[in-house]
Amino acid sequence: MHFEILTTEHLALRKLTPEVFDYIYAIYSDDALVQFLGLADDKALQAEKEKHQKGLATYNKSFLYFHIIHKQTDKIIGWCGYHTWYLDHNRAEIGYGLFDDNFKRKGVMSEAMKPILDYGFRKMNLHRIEAFISPENAASLKLVEKFGFKKEGVLKEHYFKNNVMEDSAVYSLFNR
């Protein structure tokens, strides 16, 4: 299988779709899955397998992720992409995260975000990209604002995280 790769100066962004996940889970051994997915251990692999078994997409909703690979070390250091893509409505929710704290506050996500947003608008034909962010997550708020996202409001008790209901600041970016 061919894996589409976007590149930046320091990063390779490997595209992951539902079809890629179906392929790797059917073909790869557990050890190969841990390496390909950049997982820390077998517990993380079991969690990923469970997500896959429950179904990653529906008739109207899908996702498209990119692994963030540090070119110099060839290490998977995070992910960025669209985890809630409403196919019928040309909109998706962007998400991102770094696995390795050593890469935080070094501009990695800013470097990854530009080609990911461009891919969303040009290749996925998105009209609207949404971000739901904890109002306390200053780094994430700063990141989306840097790329022109505008705050629309706050959803109260929107996410359940660490046994607590959290609010979400709602941001959007339109393809104009």
N, C-alpha and C. Protein backbone atom coordinates (compact mmCIF):
# COMPACT_ATOMS: atom_id res chain seq x y z
N MET A 1 0.85 -1.19 0.00
CA MET A 1 0.00 0.00 0.00
C MET A 1 0.89 1.23 0.00
N HIS A 2 0.51 2.22 -0.78
CA HIS A 2 1.21 3.50 -0.83
C HIS A 2 0.67 4.42 0.26
N PHE A 3 1.56 5.04 1.04
CA PHE A 3 1.16 5.97 2.08
C PHE A 3 1.51 7.38 1.62
N GLU A 4 0.49 8.22 1.48
CA GLU A 4 0.72 9.61 1.06
C GLU A 4 1.45 10.36 2.17
N ILE A 5 2.46 11.12 1.77
CA ILE A 5 3.28 11.88 2.71
C ILE A 5 3.31 13.34 2.28
N LEU A 6 3.00 14.24 3.21
CA LEU A 6 3.22 15.68 3.01
C LEU A 6 4.52 16.01 3.73
N THR A 7 5.29 16.93 3.19
CA THR A 7 6.55 17.27 3.84
C THR A 7 6.65 18.77 4.10
N THR A 8 7.35 19.06 5.18
CA THR A 8 7.72 20.43 5.53
C THR A 8 9.23 20.42 5.74
N GLU A 9 9.77 21.51 6.20
CA GLU A 9 11.21 21.58 6.39
C GLU A 9 11.72 20.50 7.36
N HIS A 10 11.03 20.31 8.48
CA HIS A 10 11.50 19.39 9.51
C HIS A 10 10.63 18.15 9.70
N LEU A 11 9.47 18.11 9.02
CA LEU A 11 8.49 17.07 9.30
C LEU A 11 8.05 16.32 8.05
N ALA A 12 7.68 15.06 8.26
CA ALA A 12 6.96 14.27 7.26
C ALA A 12 5.60 13.97 7.88
N LEU A 13 4.55 14.21 7.13
CA LEU A 13 3.18 14.01 7.62
C LEU A 13 2.57 12.85 6.84
N ARG A 14 2.44 11.69 7.50
CA ARG A 14 1.96 10.47 6.84
C ARG A 14 0.45 10.36 7.01
N LYS A 15 -0.26 10.32 5.88
CA LYS A 15 -1.72 10.29 5.86
C LYS A 15 -2.25 8.94 6.32
N LEU A 16 -3.24 9.00 7.22
CA LEU A 16 -3.91 7.81 7.74
C LEU A 16 -5.41 7.96 7.53
N THR A 17 -5.99 7.02 6.81
CA THR A 17 -7.42 7.03 6.52
C THR A 17 -8.05 5.74 7.06
N PRO A 18 -9.37 5.62 7.06
CA PRO A 18 -9.98 4.35 7.46
C PRO A 18 -9.46 3.17 6.64
N GLU A 19 -9.20 3.38 5.35
CA GLU A 19 -8.69 2.31 4.49
C GLU A 19 -7.28 1.88 4.91
N VAL A 20 -6.45 2.86 5.30
CA VAL A 20 -5.11 2.54 5.79
C VAL A 20 -5.21 1.69 7.06
N PHE A 21 -6.08 2.09 7.99
CA PHE A 21 -6.23 1.33 9.22
C PHE A 21 -6.74 -0.09 8.93
N ASP A 22 -7.71 -0.24 8.04
CA ASP A 22 -8.19 -1.58 7.69
C ASP A 22 -7.04 -2.43 7.14
N TYR A 23 -6.23 -1.83 6.29
CA TYR A 23 -5.09 -2.54 5.68
C TYR A 23 -4.07 -2.96 6.73
N ILE A 24 -3.64 -2.02 7.57
CA ILE A 24 -2.57 -2.37 8.52
C ILE A 24 -3.04 -3.36 9.57
N TYR A 25 -4.30 -3.26 10.00
CA TYR A 25 -4.79 -4.22 10.99
C TYR A 25 -4.95 -5.61 10.38
N ALA A 26 -5.19 -5.71 9.10
CA ALA A 26 -5.32 -7.01 8.44
C ALA A 26 -3.96 -7.63 8.14
N ILE A 27 -2.94 -6.82 7.87
CA ILE A 27 -1.66 -7.32 7.37
C ILE A 27 -0.55 -7.32 8.41
N TYR A 28 -0.48 -6.30 9.26
CA TYR A 28 0.67 -6.11 10.15
C TYR A 28 0.58 -6.96 11.42
N SER A 29 1.72 -7.41 11.90
CA SER A 29 1.81 -8.07 13.20
C SER A 29 1.64 -7.02 14.30
N ASP A 30 1.45 -7.48 15.53
CA ASP A 30 1.33 -6.53 16.64
C ASP A 30 2.59 -5.67 16.78
N ASP A 31 3.75 -6.26 16.66
CA ASP A 31 5.00 -5.49 16.76
C ASP A 31 5.07 -4.44 15.66
N ALA A 32 4.68 -4.82 14.45
CA ALA A 32 4.71 -3.87 13.33
C ALA A 32 3.68 -2.76 13.53
N LEU A 33 2.52 -3.10 14.11
CA LEU A 33 1.50 -2.08 14.40
C LEU A 33 2.01 -1.07 15.42
N VAL A 34 2.64 -1.55 16.48
CA VAL A 34 3.19 -0.65 17.51
C VAL A 34 4.17 0.31 16.87
N GLN A 35 5.03 -0.19 16.01
CA GLN A 35 6.03 0.67 15.35
C GLN A 35 5.37 1.64 14.37
N PHE A 36 4.49 1.13 13.51
CA PHE A 36 3.84 1.97 12.49
C PHE A 36 3.01 3.08 13.12
N LEU A 37 2.30 2.76 14.20
CA LEU A 37 1.42 3.73 14.85
C LEU A 37 2.15 4.60 15.87
N GLY A 38 3.41 4.27 16.17
CA GLY A 38 4.18 5.06 17.12
C GLY A 38 3.65 4.92 18.55
N LEU A 39 3.20 3.72 18.90
CA LEU A 39 2.59 3.50 20.21
C LEU A 39 3.66 3.18 21.26
N ALA A 40 3.34 3.49 22.50
CA ALA A 40 4.30 3.31 23.59
C ALA A 40 4.40 1.86 24.04
N ASP A 41 3.26 1.13 24.00
CA ASP A 41 3.29 -0.22 24.56
C ASP A 41 2.08 -1.02 24.09
N ASP A 42 1.99 -2.26 24.59
CA ASP A 42 0.89 -3.15 24.19
C ASP A 42 -0.46 -2.65 24.68
N LYS A 43 -0.50 -1.96 25.81
CA LYS A 43 -1.76 -1.41 26.32
C LYS A 43 -2.31 -0.37 25.33
N ALA A 44 -1.44 0.47 24.81
CA ALA A 44 -1.87 1.47 23.82
C ALA A 44 -2.33 0.78 22.54
N LEU A 45 -1.66 -0.31 22.16
CA LEU A 45 -2.07 -1.06 20.97
C LEU A 45 -3.46 -1.64 21.17
N GLN A 46 -3.75 -2.21 22.33
CA GLN A 46 -5.07 -2.78 22.58
C GLN A 46 -6.15 -1.72 22.50
N ALA A 47 -5.85 -0.51 23.01
CA ALA A 47 -6.82 0.59 22.92
C ALA A 47 -7.08 0.96 21.47
N GLU A 48 -6.04 1.00 20.65
CA GLU A 48 -6.20 1.32 19.22
C GLU A 48 -6.98 0.22 18.50
N LYS A 49 -6.69 -1.02 18.83
CA LYS A 49 -7.42 -2.14 18.21
C LYS A 49 -8.91 -2.07 18.56
N GLU A 50 -9.21 -1.71 19.79
CA GLU A 50 -10.61 -1.60 20.21
C GLU A 50 -11.33 -0.51 19.43
N LYS A 51 -10.67 0.63 19.24
CA LYS A 51 -11.27 1.71 18.43
C LYS A 51 -11.57 1.21 17.02
N HIS A 52 -10.63 0.48 16.44
CA HIS A 52 -10.80 -0.02 15.08
C HIS A 52 -11.96 -1.02 15.02
N GLN A 53 -12.05 -1.90 15.99
CA GLN A 53 -13.11 -2.91 16.00
C GLN A 53 -14.49 -2.28 16.16
N LYS A 54 -14.57 -1.18 16.89
CA LYS A 54 -15.86 -0.50 17.09
C LYS A 54 -16.30 0.28 15.87
N GLY A 55 -15.38 0.49 14.94
CA GLY A 55 -15.72 1.21 13.72
C GLY A 55 -15.26 2.65 13.80
N LEU A 56 -14.49 3.05 12.84
CA LEU A 56 -13.90 4.39 12.86
C LEU A 56 -14.68 5.40 12.04
N ALA A 57 -15.56 4.94 11.18
CA ALA A 57 -16.30 5.85 10.31
C ALA A 57 -17.72 5.32 10.14
N THR A 58 -18.63 6.22 9.76
CA THR A 58 -20.00 5.84 9.46
C THR A 58 -20.32 6.31 8.04
N TYR A 59 -21.56 6.15 7.64
CA TYR A 59 -21.93 6.54 6.28
C TYR A 59 -21.77 8.03 6.04
N ASN A 60 -21.86 8.86 7.07
CA ASN A 60 -21.82 10.30 6.90
C ASN A 60 -20.64 10.96 7.61
N LYS A 61 -19.85 10.20 8.34
CA LYS A 61 -18.78 10.79 9.13
C LYS A 61 -17.52 9.95 8.99
N SER A 62 -16.39 10.62 8.84
CA SER A 62 -15.13 9.92 8.70
C SER A 62 -14.03 10.69 9.40
N PHE A 63 -12.80 10.35 9.13
CA PHE A 63 -11.65 11.04 9.69
C PHE A 63 -10.50 10.98 8.70
N LEU A 64 -9.52 11.80 8.92
CA LEU A 64 -8.29 11.77 8.13
C LEU A 64 -7.20 12.35 9.03
N TYR A 65 -6.26 11.49 9.44
CA TYR A 65 -5.17 11.89 10.31
C TYR A 65 -3.85 11.90 9.56
N PHE A 66 -2.90 12.58 10.13
CA PHE A 66 -1.53 12.51 9.66
C PHE A 66 -0.63 12.27 10.87
N HIS A 67 0.22 11.26 10.78
CA HIS A 67 1.28 11.12 11.79
C HIS A 67 2.28 12.25 11.54
N ILE A 68 2.77 12.83 12.61
CA ILE A 68 3.84 13.82 12.50
C ILE A 68 5.14 13.10 12.79
N ILE A 69 5.98 13.02 11.77
CA ILE A 69 7.24 12.30 11.89
C ILE A 69 8.38 13.31 11.81
N HIS A 70 9.24 13.30 12.80
CA HIS A 70 10.40 14.19 12.82
C HIS A 70 11.43 13.64 11.83
N LYS A 71 11.73 14.40 10.78
CA LYS A 71 12.60 13.89 9.72
C LYS A 71 13.98 13.49 10.23
N GLN A 72 14.55 14.28 11.10
CA GLN A 72 15.91 14.04 11.55
C GLN A 72 16.05 12.72 12.31
N THR A 73 15.03 12.36 13.11
CA THR A 73 15.10 11.14 13.92
C THR A 73 14.23 10.01 13.36
N ASP A 74 13.36 10.31 12.40
CA ASP A 74 12.41 9.37 11.83
C ASP A 74 11.46 8.82 12.90
N LYS A 75 11.21 9.62 13.93
CA LYS A 75 10.37 9.23 15.06
C LYS A 75 8.99 9.86 14.91
N ILE A 76 7.93 9.07 15.18
CA ILE A 76 6.57 9.61 15.21
C ILE A 76 6.43 10.40 16.51
N ILE A 77 6.20 11.70 16.38
CA ILE A 77 6.16 12.56 17.56
C ILE A 77 4.76 13.09 17.86
N GLY A 78 3.81 12.83 16.97
CA GLY A 78 2.46 13.31 17.22
C GLY A 78 1.54 13.03 16.05
N TRP A 79 0.42 13.72 16.08
CA TRP A 79 -0.59 13.57 15.02
C TRP A 79 -1.30 14.91 14.82
N CYS A 80 -1.90 15.06 13.67
CA CYS A 80 -2.69 16.23 13.36
C CYS A 80 -3.66 15.82 12.27
N GLY A 81 -4.87 16.33 12.31
CA GLY A 81 -5.80 15.99 11.26
C GLY A 81 -7.23 16.23 11.67
N TYR A 82 -8.12 15.55 11.00
CA TYR A 82 -9.54 15.77 11.14
C TYR A 82 -10.20 14.53 11.71
N HIS A 83 -10.64 14.61 12.97
CA HIS A 83 -11.20 13.42 13.59
C HIS A 83 -12.72 13.40 13.55
N THR A 84 -13.36 14.44 13.14
CA THR A 84 -14.81 14.44 12.93
C THR A 84 -15.08 15.17 11.62
N TRP A 85 -15.14 14.40 10.54
CA TRP A 85 -15.31 14.95 9.20
C TRP A 85 -16.72 14.59 8.73
N TYR A 86 -17.58 15.61 8.64
CA TYR A 86 -18.94 15.42 8.16
C TYR A 86 -18.94 15.55 6.64
N LEU A 87 -18.99 14.41 5.98
CA LEU A 87 -18.84 14.34 4.53
C LEU A 87 -19.92 15.12 3.80
N ASP A 88 -21.17 15.05 4.29
CA ASP A 88 -22.28 15.70 3.61
C ASP A 88 -22.31 17.22 3.81
N HIS A 89 -21.53 17.70 4.76
CA HIS A 89 -21.62 19.12 5.11
C HIS A 89 -20.32 19.89 4.87
N ASN A 90 -19.32 19.23 4.32
CA ASN A 90 -18.03 19.87 4.01
C ASN A 90 -17.43 20.60 5.20
N ARG A 91 -17.51 19.95 6.36
CA ARG A 91 -16.89 20.52 7.56
C ARG A 91 -16.25 19.41 8.36
N ALA A 92 -15.22 19.79 9.14
CA ALA A 92 -14.52 18.82 9.96
C ALA A 92 -13.94 19.50 11.18
N GLU A 93 -13.74 18.71 12.22
CA GLU A 93 -13.10 19.20 13.45
C GLU A 93 -11.63 18.82 13.40
N ILE A 94 -10.79 19.81 13.59
CA ILE A 94 -9.36 19.56 13.60
C ILE A 94 -8.92 19.16 15.00
N GLY A 95 -7.95 18.29 15.05
CA GLY A 95 -7.36 17.87 16.31
C GLY A 95 -5.88 17.66 16.11
N TYR A 96 -5.14 17.67 17.21
CA TYR A 96 -3.69 17.52 17.12
C TYR A 96 -3.13 17.21 18.49
N GLY A 97 -1.96 16.65 18.50
CA GLY A 97 -1.30 16.37 19.76
C GLY A 97 0.11 15.89 19.52
N LEU A 98 0.97 16.15 20.49
CA LEU A 98 2.34 15.66 20.45
C LEU A 98 2.51 14.59 21.52
N PHE A 99 3.18 13.50 21.15
CA PHE A 99 3.40 12.39 22.06
C PHE A 99 4.62 12.62 22.96
N ASP A 100 5.55 13.42 22.49
CA ASP A 100 6.83 13.60 23.16
C ASP A 100 6.95 15.04 23.64
N ASP A 101 7.02 15.23 24.95
CA ASP A 101 7.10 16.58 25.52
C ASP A 101 8.35 17.34 25.06
N ASN A 102 9.39 16.62 24.65
CA ASN A 102 10.61 17.29 24.19
C ASN A 102 10.38 18.13 22.93
N PHE A 103 9.28 17.87 22.21
CA PHE A 103 9.00 18.61 20.98
C PHE A 103 7.99 19.74 21.18
N LYS A 104 7.46 19.87 22.40
CA LYS A 104 6.50 20.93 22.67
C LYS A 104 7.21 22.27 22.78
N ARG A 105 6.48 23.34 22.38
CA ARG A 105 6.98 24.71 22.43
C ARG A 105 8.19 24.94 21.52
N LYS A 106 8.24 24.17 20.43
CA LYS A 106 9.33 24.32 19.47
C LYS A 106 8.82 24.63 18.06
N GLY A 107 7.52 24.94 17.94
CA GLY A 107 6.95 25.29 16.64
C GLY A 107 6.55 24.12 15.78
N VAL A 108 6.59 22.92 16.33
CA VAL A 108 6.25 21.73 15.54
C VAL A 108 4.81 21.80 15.04
N MET A 109 3.87 22.09 15.93
CA MET A 109 2.47 22.10 15.52
C MET A 109 2.20 23.24 14.55
N SER A 110 2.85 24.36 14.72
CA SER A 110 2.69 25.46 13.74
C SER A 110 3.19 25.02 12.37
N GLU A 111 4.30 24.29 12.34
CA GLU A 111 4.83 23.81 11.07
C GLU A 111 3.91 22.79 10.42
N ALA A 112 3.29 21.93 11.24
CA ALA A 112 2.39 20.90 10.71
C ALA A 112 1.04 21.48 10.29
N MET A 113 0.58 22.50 10.99
CA MET A 113 -0.78 23.01 10.79
C MET A 113 -1.00 23.58 9.39
N LYS A 114 -0.05 24.31 8.86
CA LYS A 114 -0.25 24.94 7.55
C LYS A 114 -0.59 23.92 6.45
N PRO A 115 0.22 22.87 6.26
CA PRO A 115 -0.16 21.91 5.21
C PRO A 115 -1.42 21.12 5.53
N ILE A 116 -1.72 20.92 6.81
CA ILE A 116 -2.94 20.19 7.19
C ILE A 116 -4.18 21.02 6.85
N LEU A 117 -4.14 22.31 7.17
CA LEU A 117 -5.27 23.18 6.83
C LEU A 117 -5.43 23.28 5.31
N ASP A 118 -4.31 23.44 4.62
CA ASP A 118 -4.34 23.52 3.16
C ASP A 118 -4.92 22.24 2.57
N TYR A 119 -4.53 21.10 3.09
CA TYR A 119 -5.04 19.82 2.63
C TYR A 119 -6.56 19.74 2.85
N GLY A 120 -7.00 20.20 4.00
CA GLY A 120 -8.43 20.18 4.30
C GLY A 120 -9.24 20.99 3.31
N PHE A 121 -8.77 22.19 3.00
CA PHE A 121 -9.53 23.04 2.09
C PHE A 121 -9.39 22.60 0.63
N ARG A 122 -8.20 22.23 0.21
CA ARG A 122 -7.97 21.91 -1.21
C ARG A 122 -8.31 20.48 -1.59
N LYS A 123 -7.92 19.52 -0.76
CA LYS A 123 -8.11 18.11 -1.13
C LYS A 123 -9.40 17.50 -0.59
N MET A 124 -9.80 17.93 0.61
CA MET A 124 -11.01 17.38 1.22
C MET A 124 -12.24 18.22 0.89
N ASN A 125 -12.02 19.35 0.25
CA ASN A 125 -13.09 20.26 -0.14
C ASN A 125 -13.89 20.77 1.06
N LEU A 126 -13.19 21.03 2.16
CA LEU A 126 -13.88 21.55 3.34
C LEU A 126 -14.25 23.01 3.15
N HIS A 127 -15.38 23.37 3.65
CA HIS A 127 -15.80 24.77 3.69
C HIS A 127 -15.51 25.36 5.07
N ARG A 128 -15.65 24.53 6.10
CA ARG A 128 -15.49 24.98 7.49
C ARG A 128 -14.63 23.98 8.25
N ILE A 129 -13.66 24.52 9.00
CA ILE A 129 -12.86 23.71 9.91
C ILE A 129 -13.13 24.23 11.32
N GLU A 130 -13.47 23.29 12.21
CA GLU A 130 -13.83 23.64 13.58
C GLU A 130 -12.75 23.17 14.55
N ALA A 131 -12.61 23.91 15.65
CA ALA A 131 -11.72 23.51 16.74
C ALA A 131 -12.48 23.69 18.04
N PHE A 132 -12.47 22.66 18.87
CA PHE A 132 -13.08 22.71 20.20
C PHE A 132 -11.94 22.58 21.20
N ILE A 133 -11.71 23.63 21.99
CA ILE A 133 -10.51 23.72 22.81
C ILE A 133 -10.89 24.09 24.24
N SER A 134 -10.23 23.45 25.19
CA SER A 134 -10.42 23.84 26.58
C SER A 134 -10.02 25.31 26.74
N PRO A 135 -10.86 26.12 27.38
CA PRO A 135 -10.51 27.53 27.58
C PRO A 135 -9.22 27.72 28.37
N GLU A 136 -8.75 26.69 29.08
CA GLU A 136 -7.50 26.77 29.83
C GLU A 136 -6.28 26.38 29.00
N ASN A 137 -6.48 25.88 27.79
CA ASN A 137 -5.36 25.42 26.96
C ASN A 137 -4.82 26.60 26.14
N ALA A 138 -4.00 27.41 26.79
CA ALA A 138 -3.49 28.64 26.17
C ALA A 138 -2.69 28.36 24.91
N ALA A 139 -1.88 27.31 24.90
CA ALA A 139 -1.05 27.02 23.73
C ALA A 139 -1.91 26.69 22.51
N SER A 140 -2.96 25.89 22.71
CA SER A 140 -3.84 25.52 21.61
C SER A 140 -4.66 26.72 21.12
N LEU A 141 -5.13 27.54 22.05
CA LEU A 141 -5.87 28.75 21.66
C LEU A 141 -5.00 29.67 20.82
N LYS A 142 -3.77 29.84 21.24
CA LYS A 142 -2.82 30.69 20.51
C LYS A 142 -2.54 30.12 19.11
N LEU A 143 -2.43 28.79 19.02
CA LEU A 143 -2.15 28.14 17.73
C LEU A 143 -3.27 28.41 16.73
N VAL A 144 -4.53 28.16 17.11
CA VAL A 144 -5.61 28.35 16.14
C VAL A 144 -5.79 29.82 15.78
N GLU A 145 -5.61 30.70 16.75
CA GLU A 145 -5.72 32.13 16.45
C GLU A 145 -4.62 32.57 15.49
N LYS A 146 -3.44 31.99 15.61
CA LYS A 146 -2.33 32.30 14.70
C LYS A 146 -2.71 31.99 13.24
N PHE A 147 -3.54 30.97 13.04
CA PHE A 147 -3.93 30.57 11.69
C PHE A 147 -5.26 31.17 11.25
N GLY A 148 -5.77 32.14 12.00
CA GLY A 148 -6.95 32.87 11.57
C GLY A 148 -8.28 32.33 12.05
N PHE A 149 -8.30 31.33 12.91
CA PHE A 149 -9.56 30.83 13.46
C PHE A 149 -10.18 31.93 14.31
N LYS A 150 -11.51 32.03 14.27
CA LYS A 150 -12.25 33.02 15.05
C LYS A 150 -13.10 32.31 16.10
N LYS A 151 -13.12 32.88 17.28
CA LYS A 151 -13.91 32.31 18.36
C LYS A 151 -15.39 32.58 18.13
N GLU A 152 -16.21 31.53 18.28
CA GLU A 152 -17.65 31.65 18.11
C GLU A 152 -18.40 31.62 19.43
N GLY A 153 -17.79 31.05 20.46
CA GLY A 153 -18.46 30.95 21.75
C GLY A 153 -17.89 29.83 22.58
N VAL A 154 -18.64 29.44 23.62
CA VAL A 154 -18.21 28.38 24.53
C VAL A 154 -19.35 27.39 24.70
N LEU A 155 -19.05 26.12 24.57
CA LEU A 155 -20.00 25.05 24.85
C LEU A 155 -19.75 24.59 26.28
N LYS A 156 -20.74 24.69 27.12
CA LYS A 156 -20.61 24.31 28.52
C LYS A 156 -20.64 22.79 28.68
N GLU A 157 -19.74 22.29 29.52
CA GLU A 157 -19.67 20.87 29.86
C GLU A 157 -19.76 20.00 28.60
N HIS A 158 -18.89 20.27 27.66
CA HIS A 158 -18.91 19.67 26.34
C HIS A 158 -18.14 18.36 26.25
N TYR A 159 -17.03 18.24 26.96
CA TYR A 159 -16.20 17.03 26.93
C TYR A 159 -16.03 16.46 28.33
N PHE A 160 -15.97 15.13 28.41
CA PHE A 160 -15.70 14.44 29.66
C PHE A 160 -14.25 14.00 29.64
N LYS A 161 -13.43 14.61 30.49
CA LYS A 161 -11.99 14.33 30.49
C LYS A 161 -11.52 14.23 31.93
N ASN A 162 -10.79 13.16 32.22
CA ASN A 162 -10.26 12.93 33.57
C ASN A 162 -11.37 13.00 34.62
N ASN A 163 -12.50 12.38 34.30
CA ASN A 163 -13.66 12.31 35.21
C ASN A 163 -14.28 13.67 35.53
N VAL A 164 -14.08 14.64 34.66
CA VAL A 164 -14.63 15.98 34.85
C VAL A 164 -15.24 16.45 33.53
N MET A 165 -16.40 17.10 33.62
CA MET A 165 -16.98 17.72 32.42
C MET A 165 -16.27 19.05 32.18
N GLU A 166 -15.76 19.24 30.96
CA GLU A 166 -15.02 20.45 30.61
C GLU A 166 -15.77 21.25 29.55
N ASP A 167 -15.61 22.57 29.63
CA ASP A 167 -16.15 23.46 28.61
C ASP A 167 -15.24 23.41 27.38
N SER A 168 -15.78 23.82 26.24
CA SER A 168 -15.00 23.93 25.01
C SER A 168 -15.22 25.30 24.39
N ALA A 169 -14.13 25.99 24.13
CA ALA A 169 -14.20 27.20 23.31
C ALA A 169 -14.32 26.73 21.86
N VAL A 170 -15.27 27.30 21.13
CA VAL A 170 -15.52 26.89 19.74
C VAL A 170 -14.87 27.91 18.81
N TYR A 171 -14.02 27.41 17.91
CA TYR A 171 -13.36 28.25 16.92
C TYR A 171 -13.66 27.70 15.54
N SER A 172 -13.65 28.59 14.54
CA SER A 172 -13.89 28.15 13.17
C SER A 172 -12.99 28.90 12.21
N LEU A 173 -12.73 28.25 11.08
CA LEU A 173 -11.98 28.84 9.98
C LEU A 173 -12.72 28.44 8.71
N PHE A 174 -12.96 29.41 7.84
CA PHE A 174 -13.72 29.17 6.61
C PHE A 174 -12.81 29.26 5.39
N ASN A 175 -13.17 28.49 4.37
CA ASN A 175 -12.46 28.53 3.10
C ASN A 175 -13.04 29.66 2.28
N ARG A 176 -12.37 30.79 2.28
CA ARG A 176 -12.85 31.96 1.55
C ARG A 176 -11.99 32.22 0.33
